[in-house]
Amino acid sequence: MKTPQPDPIIAEVRAIRAQHAARFGYDVKAIFRDIQARQEASGRQYVSYPARRTSSDGQIQSRRT
């Protein structure tokens, strides 16, 4: 079986993500606050969907409308 070639775009995205996480000491809450601030500063309108409910076994429950 042939080993797939690494995708340079994926490698670049992963490197940027690692740099961003390192800048905040890998603190997920700090990273999230930064993303929210960037979204707010962009002036773009973002869509937000309600959270999906999960069952006790971790499965996503479908909504019936």
PDB file of N, CA and C in Angstrom:
ATOM      1  N   MET A   1       0.844  -1.181   0.000  1.00  0.00           N
ATOM      2  CA  MET A   1       0.000   0.000   0.000  1.00  0.00           C
ATOM      3  C   MET A   1       0.888   1.242   0.000  1.00  0.00           C
ATOM      4  N   LYS A   2       0.529   2.174  -0.813  1.00  0.00           N
ATOM      5  CA  LYS A   2       1.304   3.392  -0.977  1.00  0.00           C
ATOM      6  C   LYS A   2       0.940   4.412   0.113  1.00  0.00           C
ATOM      7  N   THR A   3       1.952   5.030   0.703  1.00  0.00           N
ATOM      8  CA  THR A   3       1.713   6.058   1.716  1.00  0.00           C
ATOM      9  C   THR A   3       1.294   7.351   1.027  1.00  0.00           C
ATOM     10  N   PRO A   4       0.182   7.968   1.477  1.00  0.00           N
ATOM     11  CA  PRO A   4      -0.255   9.201   0.828  1.00  0.00           C
ATOM     12  C   PRO A   4       0.727  10.348   1.078  1.00  0.00           C
ATOM     13  N   GLN A   5       0.851  11.210   0.088  1.00  0.00           N
ATOM     14  CA  GLN A   5       1.718  12.379   0.215  1.00  0.00           C
ATOM     15  C   GLN A   5       1.077  13.371   1.184  1.00  0.00           C
ATOM     16  N   PRO A   6       1.878  13.994   2.034  1.00  0.00           N
ATOM     17  CA  PRO A   6       1.306  15.002   2.932  1.00  0.00           C
ATOM     18  C   PRO A   6       0.798  16.199   2.130  1.00  0.00           C
ATOM     19  N   ASP A   7      -0.346  16.699   2.517  1.00  0.00           N
ATOM     20  CA  ASP A   7      -0.957  17.835   1.833  1.00  0.00           C
ATOM     21  C   ASP A   7      -0.365  19.118   2.405  1.00  0.00           C
ATOM     22  N   PRO A   8       0.269  19.961   1.586  1.00  0.00           N
ATOM     23  CA  PRO A   8       0.902  21.179   2.102  1.00  0.00           C
ATOM     24  C   PRO A   8      -0.096  22.173   2.686  1.00  0.00           C
ATOM     25  N   ILE A   9      -1.315  22.185   2.182  1.00  0.00           N
ATOM     26  CA  ILE A   9      -2.324  23.106   2.723  1.00  0.00           C
ATOM     27  C   ILE A   9      -2.720  22.671   4.125  1.00  0.00           C
ATOM     28  N   ILE A  10      -2.939  21.379   4.310  1.00  0.00           N
ATOM     29  CA  ILE A  10      -3.287  20.871   5.641  1.00  0.00           C
ATOM     30  C   ILE A  10      -2.138  21.116   6.607  1.00  0.00           C
ATOM     31  N   ALA A  11      -0.919  20.908   6.168  1.00  0.00           N
ATOM     32  CA  ALA A  11       0.247  21.160   7.020  1.00  0.00           C
ATOM     33  C   ALA A  11       0.318  22.628   7.428  1.00  0.00           C
ATOM     34  N   GLU A  12       0.023  23.523   6.499  1.00  0.00           N
ATOM     35  CA  GLU A  12       0.052  24.958   6.805  1.00  0.00           C
ATOM     36  C   GLU A  12      -1.033  25.330   7.814  1.00  0.00           C
ATOM     37  N   VAL A  13      -2.240  24.799   7.627  1.00  0.00           N
ATOM     38  CA  VAL A  13      -3.340  25.076   8.555  1.00  0.00           C
ATOM     39  C   VAL A  13      -2.996  24.560   9.946  1.00  0.00           C
ATOM     40  N   ARG A  14      -2.440  23.369  10.021  1.00  0.00           N
ATOM     41  CA  ARG A  14      -2.070  22.799  11.323  1.00  0.00           C
ATOM     42  C   ARG A  14      -0.973  23.613  11.997  1.00  0.00           C
ATOM     43  N   ALA A  15      -0.021  24.117  11.226  1.00  0.00           N
ATOM     44  CA  ALA A  15       1.056  24.943  11.791  1.00  0.00           C
ATOM     45  C   ALA A  15       0.499  26.254  12.340  1.00  0.00           C
ATOM     46  N   ILE A  16      -0.409  26.872  11.601  1.00  0.00           N
ATOM     47  CA  ILE A  16      -1.020  28.124  12.066  1.00  0.00           C
ATOM     48  C   ILE A  16      -1.837  27.869  13.323  1.00  0.00           C
ATOM     49  N   ARG A  17      -2.582  26.768  13.338  1.00  0.00           N
ATOM     50  CA  ARG A  17      -3.386  26.424  14.515  1.00  0.00           C
ATOM     51  C   ARG A  17      -2.484  26.194  15.730  1.00  0.00           C
ATOM     52  N   ALA A  18      -1.367  25.529  15.539  1.00  0.00           N
ATOM     53  CA  ALA A  18      -0.432  25.277  16.639  1.00  0.00           C
ATOM     54  C   ALA A  18       0.177  26.576  17.153  1.00  0.00           C
ATOM     55  N   GLN A  19       0.526  27.493  16.247  1.00  0.00           N
ATOM     56  CA  GLN A  19       1.067  28.793  16.661  1.00  0.00           C
ATOM     57  C   GLN A  19       0.034  29.585  17.449  1.00  0.00           C
ATOM     58  N   HIS A  20      -1.204  29.566  16.984  1.00  0.00           N
ATOM     59  CA  HIS A  20      -2.283  30.294  17.665  1.00  0.00           C
ATOM     60  C   HIS A  20      -2.499  29.724  19.064  1.00  0.00           C
ATOM     61  N   ALA A  21      -2.543  28.408  19.178  1.00  0.00           N
ATOM     62  CA  ALA A  21      -2.734  27.768  20.479  1.00  0.00           C
ATOM     63  C   ALA A  21      -1.568  28.072  21.413  1.00  0.00           C
ATOM     64  N   ALA A  22      -0.351  28.052  20.894  1.00  0.00           N
ATOM     65  CA  ALA A  22       0.830  28.333  21.718  1.00  0.00           C
ATOM     66  C   ALA A  22       0.808  29.765  22.239  1.00  0.00           C
ATOM     67  N   ARG A  23       0.305  30.689  21.423  1.00  0.00           N
ATOM     68  CA  ARG A  23       0.242  32.094  21.834  1.00  0.00           C
ATOM     69  C   ARG A  23      -0.616  32.268  23.093  1.00  0.00           C
ATOM     70  N   PHE A  24      -1.590  31.382  23.293  1.00  0.00           N
ATOM     71  CA  PHE A  24      -2.480  31.460  24.448  1.00  0.00           C
ATOM     72  C   PHE A  24      -2.182  30.369  25.471  1.00  0.00           C
ATOM     73  N   GLY A  25      -1.008  29.794  25.390  1.00  0.00           N
ATOM     74  CA  GLY A  25      -0.612  28.767  26.353  1.00  0.00           C
ATOM     75  C   GLY A  25      -1.509  27.541  26.310  1.00  0.00           C
ATOM     76  N   TYR A  26      -2.088  27.259  25.149  1.00  0.00           N
ATOM     77  CA  TYR A  26      -2.972  26.110  24.942  1.00  0.00           C
ATOM     78  C   TYR A  26      -4.197  26.155  25.857  1.00  0.00           C
ATOM     79  N   ASP A  27      -4.571  27.373  26.297  1.00  0.00           N
ATOM     80  CA  ASP A  27      -5.755  27.579  27.135  1.00  0.00           C
ATOM     81  C   ASP A  27      -6.965  27.714  26.211  1.00  0.00           C
ATOM     82  N   VAL A  28      -7.833  26.703  26.209  1.00  0.00           N
ATOM     83  CA  VAL A  28      -8.966  26.666  25.287  1.00  0.00           C
ATOM     84  C   VAL A  28      -9.888  27.864  25.491  1.00  0.00           C
ATOM     85  N   LYS A  29     -10.116  28.245  26.734  1.00  0.00           N
ATOM     86  CA  LYS A  29     -10.999  29.392  26.997  1.00  0.00           C
ATOM     87  C   LYS A  29     -10.403  30.682  26.437  1.00  0.00           C
ATOM     88  N   ALA A  30      -9.103  30.870  26.574  1.00  0.00           N
ATOM     89  CA  ALA A  30      -8.444  32.067  26.039  1.00  0.00           C
ATOM     90  C   ALA A  30      -8.477  32.059  24.511  1.00  0.00           C
ATOM     91  N   ILE A  31      -8.282  30.902  23.911  1.00  0.00           N
ATOM     92  CA  ILE A  31      -8.345  30.783  22.452  1.00  0.00           C
ATOM     93  C   ILE A  31      -9.749  31.143  21.973  1.00  0.00           C
ATOM     94  N   PHE A  32     -10.759  30.629  22.658  1.00  0.00           N
ATOM     95  CA  PHE A  32     -12.145  30.897  22.281  1.00  0.00           C
ATOM     96  C   PHE A  32     -12.471  32.383  22.417  1.00  0.00           C
ATOM     97  N   ARG A  33     -12.003  33.009  23.504  1.00  0.00           N
ATOM     98  CA  ARG A  33     -12.233  34.454  23.676  1.00  0.00           C
ATOM     99  C   ARG A  33     -11.595  35.239  22.536  1.00  0.00           C
ATOM    100  N   ASP A  34     -10.407  34.835  22.114  1.00  0.00           N
ATOM    101  CA  ASP A  34      -9.733  35.513  21.006  1.00  0.00           C
ATOM    102  C   ASP A  34     -10.522  35.356  19.709  1.00  0.00           C
ATOM    103  N   ILE A  35     -11.021  34.170  19.462  1.00  0.00           N
ATOM    104  CA  ILE A  35     -11.814  33.938  18.246  1.00  0.00           C
ATOM    105  C   ILE A  35     -13.072  34.795  18.268  1.00  0.00           C
ATOM    106  N   GLN A  36     -13.733  34.854  19.424  1.00  0.00           N
ATOM    107  CA  GLN A  36     -14.931  35.684  19.533  1.00  0.00           C
ATOM    108  C   GLN A  36     -14.602  37.155  19.292  1.00  0.00           C
ATOM    109  N   ALA A  37     -13.498  37.642  19.843  1.00  0.00           N
ATOM    110  CA  ALA A  37     -13.097  39.036  19.654  1.00  0.00           C
ATOM    111  C   ALA A  37     -12.798  39.312  18.183  1.00  0.00           C
ATOM    112  N   ARG A  38     -12.150  38.369  17.520  1.00  0.00           N
ATOM    113  CA  ARG A  38     -11.853  38.543  16.092  1.00  0.00           C
ATOM    114  C   ARG A  38     -13.137  38.580  15.263  1.00  0.00           C
ATOM    115  N   GLN A  39     -14.094  37.736  15.616  1.00  0.00           N
ATOM    116  CA  GLN A  39     -15.369  37.739  14.905  1.00  0.00           C
ATOM    117  C   GLN A  39     -16.078  39.077  15.092  1.00  0.00           C
ATOM    118  N   GLU A  40     -16.101  39.563  16.322  1.00  0.00           N
ATOM    119  CA  GLU A  40     -16.749  40.843  16.614  1.00  0.00           C
ATOM    120  C   GLU A  40     -16.075  41.979  15.852  1.00  0.00           C
ATOM    121  N   ALA A  41     -14.756  41.992  15.829  1.00  0.00           N
ATOM    122  CA  ALA A  41     -14.001  43.058  15.169  1.00  0.00           C
ATOM    123  C   ALA A  41     -14.152  43.012  13.647  1.00  0.00           C
ATOM    124  N   SER A  42     -14.487  41.853  13.100  1.00  0.00           N
ATOM    125  CA  SER A  42     -14.578  41.730  11.641  1.00  0.00           C
ATOM    126  C   SER A  42     -15.775  42.479  11.067  1.00  0.00           C
ATOM    127  N   GLY A  43     -16.801  42.676  11.889  1.00  0.00           N
ATOM    128  CA  GLY A  43     -18.001  43.349  11.406  1.00  0.00           C
ATOM    129  C   GLY A  43     -18.920  42.454  10.592  1.00  0.00           C
ATOM    130  N   ARG A  44     -18.539  41.204  10.414  1.00  0.00           N
ATOM    131  CA  ARG A  44     -19.383  40.264   9.671  1.00  0.00           C
ATOM    132  C   ARG A  44     -20.478  39.726  10.577  1.00  0.00           C
ATOM    133  N   GLN A  45     -21.546  39.272   9.957  1.00  0.00           N
ATOM    134  CA  GLN A  45     -22.627  38.666  10.718  1.00  0.00           C
ATOM    135  C   GLN A  45     -22.423  37.150  10.712  1.00  0.00           C
ATOM    136  N   TYR A  46     -22.413  36.551  11.881  1.00  0.00           N
ATOM    137  CA  TYR A  46     -22.214  35.108  12.002  1.00  0.00           C
ATOM    138  C   TYR A  46     -23.512  34.442  12.422  1.00  0.00           C
ATOM    139  N   VAL A  47     -23.727  33.244  11.938  1.00  0.00           N
ATOM    140  CA  VAL A  47     -24.913  32.470  12.276  1.00  0.00           C
ATOM    141  C   VAL A  47     -24.590  31.604  13.475  1.00  0.00           C
ATOM    142  N   SER A  48     -25.513  31.533  14.402  1.00  0.00           N
ATOM    143  CA  SER A  48     -25.324  30.698  15.584  1.00  0.00           C
ATOM    144  C   SER A  48     -26.501  29.735  15.688  1.00  0.00           C
ATOM    145  N   TYR A  49     -26.197  28.466  15.828  1.00  0.00           N
ATOM    146  CA  TYR A  49     -27.231  27.456  15.950  1.00  0.00           C
ATOM    147  C   TYR A  49     -27.335  27.008  17.404  1.00  0.00           C
ATOM    148  N   PRO A  50     -28.533  26.610  17.845  1.00  0.00           N
ATOM    149  CA  PRO A  50     -28.663  26.120  19.218  1.00  0.00           C
ATOM    150  C   PRO A  50     -27.890  24.812  19.397  1.00  0.00           C
ATOM    151  N   ALA A  51     -27.458  24.571  20.610  1.00  0.00           N
ATOM    152  CA  ALA A  51     -26.713  23.347  20.913  1.00  0.00           C
ATOM    153  C   ALA A  51     -27.609  22.131  20.698  1.00  0.00           C
ATOM    154  N   ARG A  52     -26.991  21.051  20.253  1.00  0.00           N
ATOM    155  CA  ARG A  52     -27.739  19.808  20.083  1.00  0.00           C
ATOM    156  C   ARG A  52     -27.715  19.035  21.394  1.00  0.00           C
ATOM    157  N   ARG A  53     -28.815  18.431  21.710  1.00  0.00           N
ATOM    158  CA  ARG A  53     -28.889  17.627  22.929  1.00  0.00           C
ATOM    159  C   ARG A  53     -28.229  16.275  22.693  1.00  0.00           C
ATOM    160  N   THR A  54     -27.601  15.767  23.739  1.00  0.00           N
ATOM    161  CA  THR A  54     -27.022  14.431  23.658  1.00  0.00           C
ATOM    162  C   THR A  54     -27.637  13.560  24.735  1.00  0.00           C
ATOM    163  N   SER A  55     -27.671  12.279  24.490  1.00  0.00           N
ATOM    164  CA  SER A  55     -28.183  11.344  25.478  1.00  0.00           C
ATOM    165  C   SER A  55     -27.066  10.998  26.456  1.00  0.00           C
ATOM    166  N   SER A  56     -27.388  10.252  27.486  1.00  0.00           N
ATOM    167  CA  SER A  56     -26.398   9.894  28.500  1.00  0.00           C
ATOM    168  C   SER A  56     -25.261   9.046  27.933  1.00  0.00           C
ATOM    169  N   ASP A  57     -25.499   8.375  26.801  1.00  0.00           N
ATOM    170  CA  ASP A  57     -24.432   7.571  26.193  1.00  0.00           C
ATOM    171  C   ASP A  57     -23.622   8.362  25.167  1.00  0.00           C
ATOM    172  N   GLY A  58     -23.886   9.676  25.073  1.00  0.00           N
ATOM    173  CA  GLY A  58     -23.101  10.538  24.198  1.00  0.00           C
ATOM    174  C   GLY A  58     -23.614  10.650  22.779  1.00  0.00           C
ATOM    175  N   GLN A  59     -24.706   9.978  22.472  1.00  0.00           N
ATOM    176  CA  GLN A  59     -25.270  10.033  21.123  1.00  0.00           C
ATOM    177  C   GLN A  59     -26.095  11.306  20.943  1.00  0.00           C
ATOM    178  N   ILE A  60     -26.002  11.899  19.773  1.00  0.00           N
ATOM    179  CA  ILE A  60     -26.781  13.100  19.468  1.00  0.00           C
ATOM    180  C   ILE A  60     -28.215  12.680  19.189  1.00  0.00           C
ATOM    181  N   GLN A  61     -29.141  13.362  19.853  1.00  0.00           N
ATOM    182  CA  GLN A  61     -30.550  13.062  19.661  1.00  0.00           C
ATOM    183  C   GLN A  61     -31.088  13.910  18.519  1.00  0.00           C
ATOM    184  N   SER A  62     -31.865  13.295  17.650  1.00  0.00           N
ATOM    185  CA  SER A  62     -32.452  14.062  16.549  1.00  0.00           C
ATOM    186  C   SER A  62     -33.658  14.821  17.074  1.00  0.00           C
ATOM    187  N   ARG A  63     -33.863  15.999  16.475  1.00  0.00           N
ATOM    188  CA  ARG A  63     -35.017  16.811  16.853  1.00  0.00           C
ATOM    189  C   ARG A  63     -36.155  16.511  15.901  1.00  0.00           C
ATOM    190  N   ARG A  64     -37.300  16.412  16.441  1.00  0.00           N
ATOM    191  CA  ARG A  64     -38.487  16.233  15.608  1.00  0.00           C
ATOM    192  C   ARG A  64     -39.316  17.489  15.734  1.00  0.00           C
ATOM    193  N   THR A  65     -39.627  18.070  14.602  1.00  0.00           N
ATOM    194  CA  THR A  65     -40.425  19.300  14.614  1.00  0.00           C
ATOM    195  C   THR A  65     -41.781  19.075  14.015  1.00  0.00           C
TER     196      THR A  65
END
